[in-house]
N, C-alpha and C. Protein backbone atom coordinates (compact mmCIF):
# COMPACT_ATOMS: atom_id res chain seq x y z
N MET A 1 113.54 76.38 46.28
CA MET A 1 113.03 75.86 45.02
C MET A 1 113.76 74.59 44.61
N THR A 2 115.04 74.51 44.92
CA THR A 2 115.80 73.33 44.51
C THR A 2 115.23 72.07 45.16
N TYR A 3 114.96 72.13 46.46
CA TYR A 3 114.40 70.96 47.13
C TYR A 3 113.04 70.60 46.53
N PHE A 4 112.20 71.61 46.36
CA PHE A 4 110.86 71.36 45.84
C PHE A 4 110.93 70.69 44.47
N GLU A 5 111.73 71.26 43.59
CA GLU A 5 111.81 70.73 42.23
C GLU A 5 112.40 69.32 42.20
N LEU A 6 113.31 69.01 43.12
CA LEU A 6 113.92 67.69 43.13
C LEU A 6 113.08 66.65 43.87
N SER A 7 112.25 67.08 44.81
CA SER A 7 111.52 66.12 45.63
C SER A 7 110.12 65.77 45.10
N VAL A 8 109.54 66.63 44.32
CA VAL A 8 108.16 66.42 43.87
C VAL A 8 107.99 65.11 43.08
N PRO A 9 108.89 64.76 42.16
CA PRO A 9 108.67 63.50 41.43
C PRO A 9 108.55 62.28 42.35
N GLY A 10 109.34 62.23 43.40
CA GLY A 10 109.25 61.11 44.34
C GLY A 10 107.91 61.07 45.06
N ALA A 11 107.43 62.24 45.46
CA ALA A 11 106.12 62.31 46.12
C ALA A 11 105.03 61.89 45.15
N PHE A 12 105.10 62.36 43.92
CA PHE A 12 104.07 62.01 42.93
C PHE A 12 104.09 60.51 42.62
N ARG A 13 105.27 59.89 42.63
CA ARG A 13 105.32 58.44 42.42
C ARG A 13 104.56 57.72 43.54
N SER A 14 104.72 58.21 44.76
CA SER A 14 103.99 57.63 45.89
C SER A 14 102.49 57.81 45.72
N TYR A 15 102.08 58.98 45.24
CA TYR A 15 100.65 59.24 45.01
C TYR A 15 100.09 58.27 43.97
N VAL A 16 100.85 58.06 42.89
CA VAL A 16 100.40 57.15 41.83
C VAL A 16 100.27 55.72 42.38
N THR A 17 101.26 55.30 43.16
CA THR A 17 101.20 53.96 43.76
C THR A 17 99.98 53.83 44.65
N ALA A 18 99.73 54.83 45.48
CA ALA A 18 98.55 54.79 46.37
C ALA A 18 97.26 54.79 45.55
N ALA A 19 97.21 55.59 44.51
CA ALA A 19 96.02 55.66 43.67
C ALA A 19 95.76 54.32 42.98
N GLN A 20 96.83 53.66 42.54
CA GLN A 20 96.68 52.34 41.92
C GLN A 20 96.14 51.34 42.93
N ARG A 21 96.67 51.37 44.14
CA ARG A 21 96.19 50.46 45.19
C ARG A 21 94.72 50.70 45.52
N LEU A 22 94.30 51.96 45.42
CA LEU A 22 92.91 52.30 45.70
C LEU A 22 92.00 52.04 44.51
N GLY A 23 92.58 51.68 43.37
CA GLY A 23 91.80 51.40 42.18
C GLY A 23 91.27 52.63 41.49
N LEU A 24 91.95 53.77 41.65
CA LEU A 24 91.51 54.98 40.97
C LEU A 24 91.76 54.88 39.47
N SER A 25 91.03 55.65 38.72
CA SER A 25 91.14 55.61 37.26
C SER A 25 92.45 56.24 36.79
N ASN A 26 92.80 55.93 35.54
CA ASN A 26 93.98 56.56 34.94
C ASN A 26 93.82 58.07 34.88
N ALA A 27 92.60 58.53 34.64
CA ALA A 27 92.36 59.97 34.59
C ALA A 27 92.67 60.62 35.94
N ALA A 28 92.37 59.91 37.02
CA ALA A 28 92.64 60.45 38.36
C ALA A 28 94.13 60.57 38.62
N MET A 29 94.92 59.74 37.97
CA MET A 29 96.37 59.72 38.20
C MET A 29 97.15 60.49 37.14
N SER A 30 96.48 60.91 36.09
CA SER A 30 97.20 61.46 34.94
C SER A 30 98.02 62.69 35.28
N TYR A 31 97.52 63.57 36.14
CA TYR A 31 98.28 64.77 36.50
C TYR A 31 99.63 64.38 37.09
N TRP A 32 99.60 63.45 38.04
CA TRP A 32 100.84 63.04 38.70
C TRP A 32 101.78 62.37 37.71
N GLU A 33 101.23 61.49 36.87
CA GLU A 33 102.07 60.77 35.91
C GLU A 33 102.77 61.72 34.95
N VAL A 34 102.05 62.71 34.45
CA VAL A 34 102.65 63.69 33.54
C VAL A 34 103.69 64.53 34.27
N HIS A 35 103.36 64.94 35.47
CA HIS A 35 104.25 65.85 36.19
C HIS A 35 105.47 65.16 36.79
N ILE A 36 105.45 63.85 36.92
CA ILE A 36 106.66 63.16 37.35
C ILE A 36 107.77 63.46 36.35
N ARG A 37 107.49 63.25 35.08
CA ARG A 37 108.50 63.48 34.04
C ARG A 37 108.87 64.96 33.94
N GLU A 38 107.85 65.81 33.95
CA GLU A 38 108.12 67.24 33.81
C GLU A 38 108.91 67.78 35.00
N ASP A 39 108.55 67.37 36.19
CA ASP A 39 109.24 67.88 37.37
C ASP A 39 110.64 67.30 37.51
N GLU A 40 110.87 66.11 36.99
CA GLU A 40 112.25 65.61 36.94
C GLU A 40 113.10 66.52 36.05
N ARG A 41 112.52 66.92 34.94
CA ARG A 41 113.22 67.83 34.02
C ARG A 41 113.45 69.18 34.68
N HIS A 42 112.44 69.70 35.36
CA HIS A 42 112.58 70.97 36.06
C HIS A 42 113.64 70.88 37.16
N GLY A 43 113.67 69.75 37.85
CA GLY A 43 114.67 69.55 38.90
C GLY A 43 116.08 69.58 38.35
N ARG A 44 116.28 68.93 37.21
CA ARG A 44 117.62 68.95 36.59
C ARG A 44 117.99 70.38 36.19
N TRP A 45 117.03 71.11 35.61
CA TRP A 45 117.30 72.50 35.24
C TRP A 45 117.66 73.32 36.47
N MET A 46 116.88 73.17 37.52
CA MET A 46 117.12 73.95 38.73
C MET A 46 118.51 73.66 39.27
N LEU A 47 118.87 72.40 39.32
CA LEU A 47 120.16 72.01 39.85
C LEU A 47 121.29 72.44 38.92
N ASP A 48 121.20 72.04 37.65
CA ASP A 48 122.29 72.27 36.70
C ASP A 48 122.41 73.71 36.22
N ASP A 49 121.27 74.39 36.07
CA ASP A 49 121.30 75.73 35.47
C ASP A 49 121.17 76.86 36.49
N VAL A 50 120.78 76.53 37.73
CA VAL A 50 120.59 77.59 38.73
C VAL A 50 121.45 77.34 39.97
N ALA A 51 121.15 76.28 40.70
CA ALA A 51 121.79 76.09 42.01
C ALA A 51 123.31 75.90 41.89
N LEU A 52 123.75 74.97 41.05
CA LEU A 52 125.19 74.73 40.94
C LEU A 52 125.95 75.92 40.37
N PRO A 53 125.44 76.60 39.33
CA PRO A 53 126.14 77.80 38.87
C PRO A 53 126.19 78.91 39.94
N LEU A 54 125.12 79.06 40.71
CA LEU A 54 125.15 80.05 41.79
C LEU A 54 126.18 79.68 42.85
N ALA A 55 126.24 78.40 43.19
CA ALA A 55 127.23 77.94 44.17
C ALA A 55 128.64 78.19 43.67
N GLN A 56 128.85 77.99 42.39
CA GLN A 56 130.18 78.23 41.83
C GLN A 56 130.49 79.73 41.77
N MET A 57 129.50 80.52 41.38
CA MET A 57 129.69 81.96 41.25
C MET A 57 129.91 82.63 42.61
N TYR A 58 129.18 82.16 43.61
CA TYR A 58 129.26 82.74 44.96
C TYR A 58 129.70 81.67 45.95
N SER A 59 130.90 81.16 45.75
CA SER A 59 131.36 80.01 46.52
C SER A 59 131.39 80.27 48.03
N ASN A 60 131.63 81.50 48.44
CA ASN A 60 131.65 81.80 49.88
C ASN A 60 130.26 81.72 50.50
N GLU A 61 129.23 81.89 49.71
CA GLU A 61 127.86 81.84 50.20
C GLU A 61 127.13 80.56 49.78
N ALA A 62 127.82 79.63 49.18
CA ALA A 62 127.19 78.40 48.68
C ALA A 62 126.52 77.62 49.80
N TRP A 63 127.03 77.74 51.00
CA TRP A 63 126.42 77.04 52.14
C TRP A 63 124.97 77.46 52.33
N GLU A 64 124.62 78.68 51.92
CA GLU A 64 123.24 79.15 52.07
C GLU A 64 122.28 78.35 51.19
N LEU A 65 122.75 77.91 50.03
CA LEU A 65 121.91 77.06 49.17
C LEU A 65 121.61 75.73 49.87
N VAL A 66 122.63 75.17 50.50
CA VAL A 66 122.43 73.91 51.22
C VAL A 66 121.51 74.13 52.42
N LEU A 67 121.71 75.23 53.13
CA LEU A 67 120.85 75.55 54.27
C LEU A 67 119.40 75.70 53.82
N GLY A 68 119.16 76.42 52.75
CA GLY A 68 117.80 76.60 52.24
C GLY A 68 117.17 75.27 51.83
N TYR A 69 117.95 74.42 51.19
CA TYR A 69 117.47 73.09 50.80
C TYR A 69 117.06 72.31 52.05
N ASP A 70 117.93 72.32 53.04
CA ASP A 70 117.68 71.58 54.27
C ASP A 70 116.46 72.13 55.02
N GLN A 71 116.32 73.44 55.08
CA GLN A 71 115.17 74.04 55.76
C GLN A 71 113.87 73.67 55.07
N GLU A 72 113.86 73.68 53.76
CA GLU A 72 112.65 73.32 53.01
C GLU A 72 112.29 71.86 53.25
N LYS A 73 113.30 71.00 53.29
CA LYS A 73 113.04 69.59 53.57
C LYS A 73 112.45 69.42 54.96
N LEU A 74 113.01 70.09 55.95
CA LEU A 74 112.51 69.98 57.32
C LEU A 74 111.07 70.49 57.42
N MET A 75 110.74 71.57 56.71
CA MET A 75 109.36 72.07 56.73
C MET A 75 108.41 71.04 56.12
N GLY A 76 108.82 70.42 55.03
CA GLY A 76 108.01 69.39 54.41
C GLY A 76 107.82 68.19 55.33
N ASP A 77 108.88 67.80 56.01
CA ASP A 77 108.79 66.68 56.95
C ASP A 77 107.82 67.00 58.08
N ARG A 78 107.90 68.21 58.63
CA ARG A 78 106.98 68.60 59.71
C ARG A 78 105.54 68.64 59.20
N ALA A 79 105.35 69.12 57.99
CA ALA A 79 103.99 69.16 57.43
C ALA A 79 103.44 67.76 57.25
N ALA A 80 104.26 66.84 56.78
CA ALA A 80 103.81 65.46 56.59
C ALA A 80 103.42 64.83 57.93
N ILE A 81 104.20 65.07 58.96
CA ILE A 81 103.88 64.55 60.30
C ILE A 81 102.55 65.13 60.78
N ALA A 82 102.34 66.42 60.55
CA ALA A 82 101.08 67.06 60.97
C ALA A 82 99.89 66.48 60.22
N VAL A 83 100.04 66.21 58.93
CA VAL A 83 98.95 65.63 58.15
C VAL A 83 98.60 64.24 58.67
N VAL A 84 99.62 63.42 58.90
CA VAL A 84 99.37 62.07 59.42
C VAL A 84 98.69 62.14 60.79
N GLN A 85 99.13 63.04 61.63
CA GLN A 85 98.52 63.20 62.95
C GLN A 85 97.05 63.60 62.82
N SER A 86 96.75 64.52 61.93
CA SER A 86 95.36 64.95 61.71
C SER A 86 94.50 63.80 61.21
N ILE A 87 95.04 63.00 60.32
CA ILE A 87 94.29 61.85 59.80
C ILE A 87 94.00 60.86 60.92
N ARG A 88 95.02 60.59 61.73
CA ARG A 88 94.81 59.65 62.84
C ARG A 88 93.76 60.16 63.82
N GLU A 89 93.80 61.46 64.11
CA GLU A 89 92.80 62.04 65.01
C GLU A 89 91.41 61.95 64.41
N ALA A 90 91.27 62.21 63.13
CA ALA A 90 89.99 62.12 62.46
C ALA A 90 89.47 60.68 62.46
N GLU A 91 90.36 59.73 62.28
CA GLU A 91 89.97 58.32 62.32
C GLU A 91 89.47 57.93 63.71
N GLN A 92 90.13 58.44 64.75
CA GLN A 92 89.70 58.15 66.11
C GLN A 92 88.32 58.71 66.39
N VAL A 93 88.08 59.93 65.95
CA VAL A 93 86.77 60.57 66.12
C VAL A 93 85.72 59.77 65.37
N ALA A 94 86.03 59.41 64.13
CA ALA A 94 85.06 58.67 63.31
C ALA A 94 84.75 57.29 63.90
N SER A 95 85.74 56.65 64.47
CA SER A 95 85.51 55.32 65.03
C SER A 95 84.76 55.36 66.35
N SER A 96 84.74 56.52 67.00
CA SER A 96 84.04 56.63 68.28
C SER A 96 82.57 57.04 68.10
N ILE A 97 82.19 57.33 66.86
CA ILE A 97 80.80 57.77 66.59
C ILE A 97 79.92 56.57 66.39
């Protein structure tokens, strides 16, 4: 959860930038714009009120929080690679028709 809560605002900023480049309406981007601020707040709560206190309380097991963060990031990275690969394959099929 810590990785998710901390990483979502960055992803949403990229979505807004892409939507602006595509000329999408403000209504189309409003969810991301609102949730950038909200998820930044959630990320701070997760870090300050959950992850860091748990690491302090269970210092011998704190490495597990870092491991979980890293595993979640790696899963997201693999998913992003798979999405890009699928898009490229779809583009190749579409261009051959």
